[in-house]
Structures are given as structure tokens and as C-alpha cells.
């Protein structure tokens, strides 16, 4: 994993501010990345919670068709909420069955971890390839040039 992923809202391993959660404004946090390979055709992003009380991580955000030349996304970039997404970007279903970003809102108890993973791809996806996490992962298989992640935590208040 050699893409560096950061946010001005929270640091690696630190709490995600309430604003970006289901208990706050539920908008996507600002994200930045660097060290994307020059030959990447586009990027994809998946945010999930491996601490969800179920067999598979809870999916909070699925994006694809992100232009490889941009260095990140502004706060509220999920088109489902704020209409600030980069042109051409496609969002898929989260595990609540809605399109776009769904902020953290774990059950009461311990803090959960939320991974924002960015993938540089050597192919151009279609919007259909971004329908949901399993579809996106299948479309990316064998086409990931580089990846990186930022992990934040959230504990229900």
C-alpha cells in the first residue's frame, strides 16, 4: 500500500469528528491522497467498519470512476448529500441500501474502526462496476496498481 491517504478532519487512528457521523451532519469527511501512480486511469474508494457485529464489515461508502489526477475530495463530496462530487464519479450502495456516504453510527459500547481505502486502477470502470462493494471488488481484481488507507475511530455518544 503506497498511496498516502490523509484528512484535515482526523488523523490516522484518531476519532472521527461527530459532524461526519450518523449522530452529526452525516456528511463525508475531507480526504486527500498522494503518491498515485502516474499510469493510473482512475481511482476507487471504499469505507467500511470491520468491527460491526456481523460476519462481514459494514460498508459505509463505495465510490468509483474518481479521476486519477485529483488529489482528494472535499468535505461533503458524496453526491447523495451535497452534490459536490467530482464530475463522472459513481457511487454505489452502502449496507443500509442507500447510495452514497453513510457516516459511522455503531451500537453503544466500544469504538469501531472505519477504513477509508483508496485504490489506483489500471482500467476505466463503468458505473455498473460500482453498484456495491462486492461488484466493485470483482471489477478491480487484477487491476489495482496501488492502494492506501486512512483509519479513524468512532464511539457512539
N, C-alpha and C. Protein backbone atom coordinates (compact mmCIF):
# COMPACT_ATOMS: atom_id res chain seq x y z
N UNK A 1 0.85 -1.17 0.00
CA UNK A 1 0.00 0.00 0.00
C UNK A 1 0.90 1.23 0.00
N UNK A 2 0.90 1.97 -1.10
CA UNK A 2 1.82 3.09 -1.16
C UNK A 2 1.15 4.42 -1.46
N UNK A 3 -0.18 4.48 -1.50
CA UNK A 3 -0.86 5.77 -1.62
C UNK A 3 -1.02 6.31 -0.20
N UNK A 4 -0.63 7.55 0.01
CA UNK A 4 -0.77 8.18 1.32
C UNK A 4 -2.15 8.85 1.38
N UNK A 5 -2.98 8.43 2.33
CA UNK A 5 -4.34 8.96 2.49
C UNK A 5 -4.42 9.71 3.82
N UNK A 6 -4.88 10.96 3.77
CA UNK A 6 -5.00 11.77 4.98
C UNK A 6 -6.31 12.55 4.97
N UNK A 7 -6.60 13.18 6.09
CA UNK A 7 -7.77 14.05 6.21
C UNK A 7 -7.42 15.22 7.11
N UNK A 8 -7.99 16.37 6.81
CA UNK A 8 -7.82 17.51 7.70
C UNK A 8 -8.78 17.42 8.89
N UNK A 9 -9.71 16.46 8.85
CA UNK A 9 -10.72 16.33 9.91
C UNK A 9 -10.26 15.41 11.05
N UNK A 10 -9.41 14.42 10.74
CA UNK A 10 -8.93 13.50 11.76
C UNK A 10 -7.63 12.86 11.29
N UNK A 11 -6.85 12.41 12.27
CA UNK A 11 -5.57 11.78 11.98
C UNK A 11 -5.71 10.26 12.02
N UNK A 12 -4.73 9.58 11.44
CA UNK A 12 -4.69 8.12 11.44
C UNK A 12 -4.90 7.59 12.86
N UNK A 13 -5.89 6.69 13.01
CA UNK A 13 -6.14 6.04 14.29
C UNK A 13 -6.87 6.88 15.32
N UNK A 14 -7.21 8.10 14.97
CA UNK A 14 -7.87 9.02 15.92
C UNK A 14 -9.37 9.08 15.65
N UNK A 15 -10.14 9.64 16.61
CA UNK A 15 -11.60 9.72 16.44
C UNK A 15 -12.03 10.59 15.26
N UNK A 16 -13.06 10.12 14.58
CA UNK A 16 -13.71 10.88 13.51
C UNK A 16 -14.66 11.86 14.18
N UNK A 17 -14.60 13.15 13.85
CA UNK A 17 -15.50 14.11 14.48
C UNK A 17 -16.98 13.76 14.24
N UNK A 18 -17.78 14.03 15.23
CA UNK A 18 -19.22 13.73 15.20
C UNK A 18 -19.90 14.26 13.94
N UNK A 19 -19.44 15.39 13.44
CA UNK A 19 -20.03 16.01 12.24
C UNK A 19 -20.14 15.01 11.09
N UNK A 20 -19.19 14.09 10.97
CA UNK A 20 -19.12 13.15 9.85
C UNK A 20 -19.79 11.81 10.15
N UNK A 21 -20.60 11.77 11.20
CA UNK A 21 -21.24 10.53 11.63
C UNK A 21 -22.76 10.62 11.53
N UNK A 22 -23.41 9.49 11.75
CA UNK A 22 -24.86 9.44 11.76
C UNK A 22 -25.47 10.19 12.92
N UNK A 23 -24.65 10.53 13.90
CA UNK A 23 -25.13 11.32 15.03
C UNK A 23 -24.90 12.82 14.80
N UNK A 24 -24.24 13.14 13.72
CA UNK A 24 -23.97 14.54 13.39
C UNK A 24 -24.64 14.91 12.08
N UNK A 25 -23.88 15.59 11.20
CA UNK A 25 -24.43 16.02 9.90
C UNK A 25 -24.43 14.89 8.88
N UNK A 26 -23.71 13.81 9.17
CA UNK A 26 -23.65 12.64 8.30
C UNK A 26 -23.16 12.99 6.89
N UNK A 27 -22.13 13.84 6.84
CA UNK A 27 -21.51 14.19 5.56
C UNK A 27 -20.12 13.56 5.50
N UNK A 28 -19.66 13.29 4.29
CA UNK A 28 -18.36 12.66 4.13
C UNK A 28 -17.24 13.62 4.54
N UNK A 29 -16.19 13.09 5.18
CA UNK A 29 -15.07 13.94 5.59
C UNK A 29 -14.19 14.31 4.40
N UNK A 30 -13.43 15.39 4.56
CA UNK A 30 -12.47 15.72 3.50
C UNK A 30 -11.36 14.68 3.49
N UNK A 31 -10.95 14.27 2.30
CA UNK A 31 -9.88 13.29 2.16
C UNK A 31 -8.87 13.79 1.14
N UNK A 32 -7.63 13.51 1.38
CA UNK A 32 -6.55 13.84 0.44
C UNK A 32 -5.70 12.60 0.24
N UNK A 33 -5.09 12.50 -0.94
CA UNK A 33 -4.17 11.41 -1.20
C UNK A 33 -3.05 11.89 -2.10
N UNK A 34 -1.93 11.18 -2.00
CA UNK A 34 -0.78 11.48 -2.86
C UNK A 34 -0.05 10.18 -3.14
N UNK A 35 0.90 10.25 -4.04
CA UNK A 35 1.68 9.10 -4.48
C UNK A 35 0.86 8.11 -5.31
N UNK A 36 -0.12 8.64 -6.07
CA UNK A 36 -0.89 7.82 -7.00
C UNK A 36 0.01 7.56 -8.22
N UNK A 37 0.12 6.31 -8.66
CA UNK A 37 0.95 6.03 -9.83
C UNK A 37 0.51 6.86 -11.05
N UNK A 38 1.47 7.35 -11.80
CA UNK A 38 1.19 8.19 -12.97
C UNK A 38 0.37 7.48 -14.04
N UNK A 39 0.48 6.16 -14.10
CA UNK A 39 -0.27 5.42 -15.12
C UNK A 39 -1.66 4.95 -14.66
N UNK A 40 -2.09 5.41 -13.48
CA UNK A 40 -3.45 5.07 -13.01
C UNK A 40 -4.48 5.73 -13.91
N UNK A 41 -5.49 4.99 -14.30
CA UNK A 41 -6.55 5.53 -15.15
C UNK A 41 -7.65 6.16 -14.32
N UNK A 42 -7.91 5.60 -13.15
CA UNK A 42 -8.88 6.20 -12.23
C UNK A 42 -8.70 5.59 -10.86
N UNK A 43 -9.46 6.13 -9.90
CA UNK A 43 -9.38 5.68 -8.52
C UNK A 43 -10.73 5.15 -8.06
N UNK A 44 -10.70 4.38 -6.99
CA UNK A 44 -11.91 3.91 -6.33
C UNK A 44 -11.69 4.07 -4.83
N UNK A 45 -12.78 4.14 -4.09
CA UNK A 45 -12.70 4.30 -2.64
C UNK A 45 -13.79 3.45 -1.99
N UNK A 46 -13.40 2.77 -0.92
CA UNK A 46 -14.35 2.00 -0.11
C UNK A 46 -14.12 2.37 1.34
N UNK A 47 -15.20 2.65 2.06
CA UNK A 47 -15.11 2.88 3.50
C UNK A 47 -15.96 1.82 4.17
N UNK A 48 -15.34 1.09 5.12
CA UNK A 48 -16.11 0.09 5.84
C UNK A 48 -15.66 -0.04 7.29
N UNK A 49 -16.47 -0.75 8.07
CA UNK A 49 -16.29 -0.94 9.50
C UNK A 49 -16.14 -2.43 9.80
N UNK A 50 -14.91 -2.91 10.04
CA UNK A 50 -14.73 -4.34 10.31
C UNK A 50 -15.19 -4.76 11.70
N UNK A 51 -15.53 -3.79 12.56
CA UNK A 51 -15.94 -4.09 13.92
C UNK A 51 -17.45 -4.24 14.07
N UNK A 52 -18.18 -4.11 12.97
CA UNK A 52 -19.64 -4.28 13.01
C UNK A 52 -19.96 -5.68 13.53
N UNK A 53 -21.04 -5.81 14.30
CA UNK A 53 -21.37 -7.12 14.88
C UNK A 53 -22.03 -8.07 13.87
N UNK A 54 -21.23 -8.47 12.88
CA UNK A 54 -21.69 -9.40 11.84
C UNK A 54 -20.47 -10.00 11.17
N UNK A 55 -20.67 -10.95 10.29
CA UNK A 55 -19.55 -11.66 9.67
C UNK A 55 -18.71 -10.79 8.75
N UNK A 56 -19.34 -9.89 8.00
CA UNK A 56 -18.63 -9.03 7.05
C UNK A 56 -18.58 -7.59 7.55
N UNK A 57 -17.56 -6.83 7.18
CA UNK A 57 -17.53 -5.42 7.56
C UNK A 57 -18.77 -4.68 7.03
N UNK A 58 -19.21 -3.70 7.78
CA UNK A 58 -20.35 -2.86 7.37
C UNK A 58 -19.81 -1.82 6.38
N UNK A 59 -20.41 -1.74 5.20
CA UNK A 59 -19.96 -0.83 4.16
C UNK A 59 -20.64 0.52 4.31
N UNK A 60 -19.83 1.57 4.41
CA UNK A 60 -20.34 2.93 4.59
C UNK A 60 -20.30 3.78 3.33
N UNK A 61 -19.40 3.43 2.39
CA UNK A 61 -19.26 4.26 1.20
C UNK A 61 -18.56 3.46 0.11
N UNK A 62 -19.08 3.53 -1.11
CA UNK A 62 -18.49 2.88 -2.27
C UNK A 62 -18.45 3.92 -3.39
N UNK A 63 -17.25 4.20 -3.90
CA UNK A 63 -17.10 5.16 -4.98
C UNK A 63 -16.19 4.59 -6.05
N UNK A 64 -16.45 4.98 -7.27
CA UNK A 64 -15.59 4.61 -8.37
C UNK A 64 -15.58 5.70 -9.41
N UNK A 65 -14.78 5.51 -10.43
CA UNK A 65 -14.67 6.48 -11.51
C UNK A 65 -14.17 7.84 -11.01
N UNK A 66 -13.34 7.81 -9.96
CA UNK A 66 -12.75 9.04 -9.43
C UNK A 66 -11.57 9.39 -10.34
N UNK A 67 -11.52 10.61 -10.87
CA UNK A 67 -10.40 10.98 -11.75
C UNK A 67 -9.06 10.80 -11.04
N UNK A 68 -8.12 10.17 -11.72
CA UNK A 68 -6.83 9.87 -11.10
C UNK A 68 -5.98 11.11 -10.85
N UNK A 69 -6.29 12.20 -11.52
CA UNK A 69 -5.49 13.41 -11.38
C UNK A 69 -5.87 14.30 -10.21
N UNK A 70 -6.97 13.99 -9.51
CA UNK A 70 -7.33 14.84 -8.38
C UNK A 70 -6.63 14.32 -7.13
N UNK A 71 -6.35 15.20 -6.21
CA UNK A 71 -5.62 14.83 -5.00
C UNK A 71 -6.49 14.62 -3.79
N UNK A 72 -7.80 14.49 -4.00
CA UNK A 72 -8.67 14.25 -2.85
C UNK A 72 -10.09 14.69 -3.13
N UNK A 73 -10.88 14.72 -2.06
CA UNK A 73 -12.28 15.11 -2.16
C UNK A 73 -12.62 16.03 -1.00
N UNK A 74 -13.41 17.05 -1.28
CA UNK A 74 -13.78 17.98 -0.23
C UNK A 74 -14.79 17.36 0.73
N UNK A 75 -14.93 18.01 1.85
CA UNK A 75 -15.97 17.64 2.80
C UNK A 75 -17.31 17.63 2.07
N UNK A 76 -18.13 16.64 2.36
CA UNK A 76 -19.45 16.57 1.74
C UNK A 76 -19.44 16.16 0.28
N UNK A 77 -18.38 15.46 -0.16
CA UNK A 77 -18.26 15.10 -1.58
C UNK A 77 -19.25 14.04 -2.04
N UNK A 78 -19.88 13.35 -1.12
CA UNK A 78 -20.86 12.34 -1.53
C UNK A 78 -22.01 13.01 -2.25
N UNK A 79 -22.23 12.62 -3.49
CA UNK A 79 -23.26 13.26 -4.31
C UNK A 79 -24.65 13.08 -3.73
N UNK A 80 -24.84 12.04 -2.94
CA UNK A 80 -26.15 11.79 -2.35
C UNK A 80 -26.52 12.86 -1.33
N UNK A 81 -25.52 13.54 -0.78
CA UNK A 81 -25.78 14.52 0.26
C UNK A 81 -25.59 15.96 -0.21
N UNK A 82 -24.50 16.24 -0.89
CA UNK A 82 -24.15 17.63 -1.13
C UNK A 82 -23.92 18.01 -2.59
N UNK A 83 -23.94 17.05 -3.49
CA UNK A 83 -23.75 17.34 -4.91
C UNK A 83 -22.40 18.00 -5.20
N UNK A 84 -21.36 17.63 -4.44
CA UNK A 84 -20.03 18.20 -4.66
C UNK A 84 -19.06 17.20 -5.26
N UNK A 85 -19.54 16.09 -5.73
CA UNK A 85 -18.64 15.05 -6.21
C UNK A 85 -17.95 15.45 -7.51
N UNK A 86 -16.75 14.90 -7.73
CA UNK A 86 -16.06 15.18 -9.00
C UNK A 86 -16.91 14.71 -10.17
N UNK A 87 -16.88 15.43 -11.30
CA UNK A 87 -17.67 15.03 -12.47
C UNK A 87 -17.35 13.60 -12.89
N UNK A 88 -18.38 12.84 -13.19
CA UNK A 88 -18.20 11.48 -13.67
C UNK A 88 -18.07 10.42 -12.60
N UNK A 89 -17.88 10.82 -11.34
CA UNK A 89 -17.74 9.87 -10.27
C UNK A 89 -19.05 9.09 -10.09
N UNK A 90 -18.95 7.82 -9.72
CA UNK A 90 -20.13 6.99 -9.48
C UNK A 90 -20.09 6.45 -8.06
N UNK A 91 -21.24 6.47 -7.39
CA UNK A 91 -21.34 5.94 -6.04
C UNK A 91 -22.23 4.71 -6.05
N UNK A 92 -21.90 3.76 -5.18
CA UNK A 92 -22.68 2.55 -5.06
C UNK A 92 -23.44 2.51 -3.76
N UNK A 93 -24.12 1.38 -3.55
CA UNK A 93 -24.92 1.20 -2.34
C UNK A 93 -24.05 0.90 -1.14
N UNK A 94 -24.41 1.52 -0.02
CA UNK A 94 -23.80 1.16 1.26
C UNK A 94 -24.65 0.03 1.86
N UNK A 95 -24.30 -0.44 3.03
CA UNK A 95 -25.04 -1.57 3.60
C UNK A 95 -26.38 -1.19 4.20
N UNK A 96 -26.73 0.07 4.17
CA UNK A 96 -28.09 0.48 4.54
C UNK A 96 -29.01 0.42 3.33
N UNK A 97 -28.41 0.15 2.15
CA UNK A 97 -29.18 0.06 0.93
C UNK A 97 -29.39 1.38 0.23
N UNK A 98 -28.70 2.42 0.67
CA UNK A 98 -28.80 3.73 0.03
C UNK A 98 -27.52 4.02 -0.74
N UNK A 99 -27.61 4.94 -1.67
CA UNK A 99 -26.45 5.34 -2.47
C UNK A 99 -25.74 6.49 -1.75
N UNK A 100 -24.41 6.41 -1.70
CA UNK A 100 -23.62 7.49 -1.12
C UNK A 100 -23.09 7.17 0.26
N UNK A 101 -22.55 8.19 0.88
CA UNK A 101 -21.90 8.07 2.18
C UNK A 101 -22.91 7.90 3.30
N UNK A 102 -22.63 6.96 4.18
CA UNK A 102 -23.39 6.78 5.41
C UNK A 102 -22.36 6.83 6.53
N UNK A 103 -22.45 7.84 7.38
CA UNK A 103 -21.46 8.02 8.43
C UNK A 103 -21.53 6.98 9.52
N UNK A 104 -20.44 6.87 10.29
CA UNK A 104 -20.40 5.94 11.40
C UNK A 104 -21.54 6.14 12.39
N UNK A 105 -22.08 5.03 12.88
CA UNK A 105 -23.08 5.06 13.94
C UNK A 105 -23.15 3.66 14.54
N UNK A 106 -22.06 3.26 15.21
CA UNK A 106 -22.01 1.91 15.76
C UNK A 106 -22.98 1.75 16.94
N UNK A 107 -23.24 0.52 17.31
CA UNK A 107 -24.05 0.30 18.51
C UNK A 107 -23.32 0.89 19.73
N UNK A 108 -24.06 1.15 20.79
CA UNK A 108 -23.44 1.66 22.02
C UNK A 108 -22.38 0.66 22.48
N UNK A 109 -21.33 1.18 23.07
CA UNK A 109 -20.25 0.32 23.55
C UNK A 109 -18.91 0.82 23.09
N UNK A 110 -18.06 -0.11 22.67
CA UNK A 110 -16.69 0.26 22.29
C UNK A 110 -16.64 1.00 20.95
N UNK A 111 -15.54 1.70 20.76
CA UNK A 111 -15.31 2.41 19.50
C UNK A 111 -15.10 1.41 18.36
N UNK A 112 -15.55 1.79 17.18
CA UNK A 112 -15.33 0.99 15.98
C UNK A 112 -14.28 1.68 15.12
N UNK A 113 -13.64 0.88 14.25
CA UNK A 113 -12.65 1.41 13.31
C UNK A 113 -13.31 1.56 11.94
N UNK A 114 -12.98 2.66 11.26
CA UNK A 114 -13.52 2.94 9.92
C UNK A 114 -12.35 3.16 8.98
N UNK A 115 -12.26 2.30 7.96
CA UNK A 115 -11.16 2.35 7.00
C UNK A 115 -11.63 3.02 5.71
N UNK A 116 -10.95 4.09 5.33
CA UNK A 116 -11.16 4.75 4.04
C UNK A 116 -10.02 4.28 3.16
N UNK A 117 -10.32 3.37 2.22
CA UNK A 117 -9.28 2.79 1.36
C UNK A 117 -9.41 3.35 -0.05
N UNK A 118 -8.28 3.82 -0.57
CA UNK A 118 -8.22 4.38 -1.92
C UNK A 118 -7.40 3.42 -2.78
N UNK A 119 -7.91 3.13 -3.97
CA UNK A 119 -7.27 2.21 -4.90
C UNK A 119 -6.99 2.92 -6.22
N UNK A 120 -5.77 2.78 -6.75
CA UNK A 120 -5.41 3.28 -8.07
C UNK A 120 -5.55 2.11 -9.03
N UNK A 121 -6.29 2.34 -10.13
CA UNK A 121 -6.60 1.26 -11.06
C UNK A 121 -5.99 1.49 -12.44
N UNK A 122 -5.68 0.39 -13.11
CA UNK A 122 -5.14 0.49 -14.47
C UNK A 122 -6.22 0.32 -15.53
N UNK A 123 -7.48 0.39 -15.11
CA UNK A 123 -8.62 0.28 -16.02
C UNK A 123 -9.61 1.40 -15.74
N UNK A 124 -10.50 1.61 -16.69
CA UNK A 124 -11.61 2.54 -16.52
C UNK A 124 -12.85 1.71 -16.25
N UNK A 125 -13.50 1.98 -15.14
CA UNK A 125 -14.70 1.24 -14.77
C UNK A 125 -15.95 1.84 -15.41
N UNK A 126 -17.02 1.09 -15.37
CA UNK A 126 -18.33 1.64 -15.75
C UNK A 126 -19.08 1.92 -14.46
N UNK A 127 -20.13 2.70 -14.53
CA UNK A 127 -20.94 2.98 -13.34
C UNK A 127 -21.50 1.68 -12.77
N UNK A 128 -21.83 0.72 -13.62
CA UNK A 128 -22.36 -0.56 -13.15
C UNK A 128 -21.33 -1.32 -12.30
N UNK A 129 -20.03 -1.10 -12.55
CA UNK A 129 -18.98 -1.74 -11.76
C UNK A 129 -18.94 -1.25 -10.32
N UNK A 130 -19.64 -0.16 -10.05
CA UNK A 130 -19.59 0.48 -8.74
C UNK A 130 -20.90 0.26 -7.97
N UNK A 131 -21.72 -0.67 -8.38
CA UNK A 131 -23.04 -0.88 -7.79
C UNK A 131 -23.01 -1.10 -6.28
N UNK A 132 -22.01 -1.84 -5.82
CA UNK A 132 -21.85 -2.13 -4.39
C UNK A 132 -20.42 -2.64 -4.18
N UNK A 133 -20.04 -2.89 -2.94
CA UNK A 133 -18.67 -3.29 -2.65
C UNK A 133 -18.28 -4.60 -3.35
N UNK A 134 -19.09 -5.68 -3.28
CA UNK A 134 -18.67 -6.91 -3.96
C UNK A 134 -18.48 -6.72 -5.47
N UNK A 135 -19.36 -5.96 -6.10
CA UNK A 135 -19.24 -5.72 -7.54
C UNK A 135 -17.98 -4.92 -7.85
N UNK A 136 -17.70 -3.90 -7.05
CA UNK A 136 -16.50 -3.09 -7.25
C UNK A 136 -15.24 -3.93 -7.03
N UNK A 137 -15.20 -4.70 -5.96
CA UNK A 137 -14.02 -5.54 -5.71
C UNK A 137 -13.78 -6.51 -6.87
N UNK A 138 -14.84 -7.09 -7.40
CA UNK A 138 -14.70 -8.01 -8.54
C UNK A 138 -14.15 -7.29 -9.77
N UNK A 139 -14.64 -6.08 -10.02
CA UNK A 139 -14.17 -5.30 -11.18
C UNK A 139 -12.72 -4.86 -11.02
N UNK A 140 -12.27 -4.63 -9.78
CA UNK A 140 -10.91 -4.16 -9.53
C UNK A 140 -9.89 -5.31 -9.51
N UNK A 141 -10.36 -6.54 -9.35
CA UNK A 141 -9.46 -7.68 -9.21
C UNK A 141 -8.47 -7.73 -10.38
N UNK A 142 -7.18 -7.76 -10.04
CA UNK A 142 -6.13 -7.81 -11.04
C UNK A 142 -5.80 -6.47 -11.67
N UNK A 143 -6.46 -5.40 -11.23
CA UNK A 143 -6.26 -4.08 -11.83
C UNK A 143 -5.81 -3.02 -10.83
N UNK A 144 -5.43 -3.41 -9.63
CA UNK A 144 -5.01 -2.45 -8.61
C UNK A 144 -3.51 -2.20 -8.73
N UNK A 145 -3.16 -0.96 -9.05
CA UNK A 145 -1.75 -0.57 -9.16
C UNK A 145 -1.16 -0.22 -7.80
N UNK A 146 -1.96 0.39 -6.96
CA UNK A 146 -1.51 0.83 -5.64
C UNK A 146 -2.74 1.08 -4.79
N UNK A 147 -2.54 1.10 -3.48
CA UNK A 147 -3.64 1.37 -2.57
C UNK A 147 -3.10 2.02 -1.30
N UNK A 148 -3.98 2.63 -0.57
CA UNK A 148 -3.63 3.22 0.70
C UNK A 148 -4.87 3.39 1.54
N UNK A 149 -4.69 3.62 2.83
CA UNK A 149 -5.86 3.75 3.69
C UNK A 149 -5.63 4.73 4.82
N UNK A 150 -6.74 5.25 5.30
CA UNK A 150 -6.78 6.09 6.49
C UNK A 150 -7.81 5.46 7.40
N UNK A 151 -7.44 5.22 8.66
CA UNK A 151 -8.37 4.63 9.60
C UNK A 151 -8.69 5.63 10.70
N UNK A 152 -9.99 5.81 10.94
CA UNK A 152 -10.45 6.64 12.04
C UNK A 152 -11.38 5.82 12.90
N UNK A 153 -11.62 6.29 14.11
CA UNK A 153 -12.50 5.56 15.03
C UNK A 153 -13.71 6.41 15.38
N UNK A 154 -14.75 5.73 15.85
CA UNK A 154 -15.91 6.45 16.37
C UNK A 154 -16.60 5.57 17.41
N UNK A 155 -16.98 6.21 18.52
CA UNK A 155 -17.73 5.54 19.57
C UNK A 155 -19.04 6.30 19.74
N UNK A 156 -20.12 5.57 19.69
CA UNK A 156 -21.46 6.20 19.79
C UNK A 156 -21.57 6.97 21.10
N UNK A 157 -22.13 8.17 21.00
CA UNK A 157 -22.25 9.05 22.18
C UNK A 157 -23.68 9.17 22.62
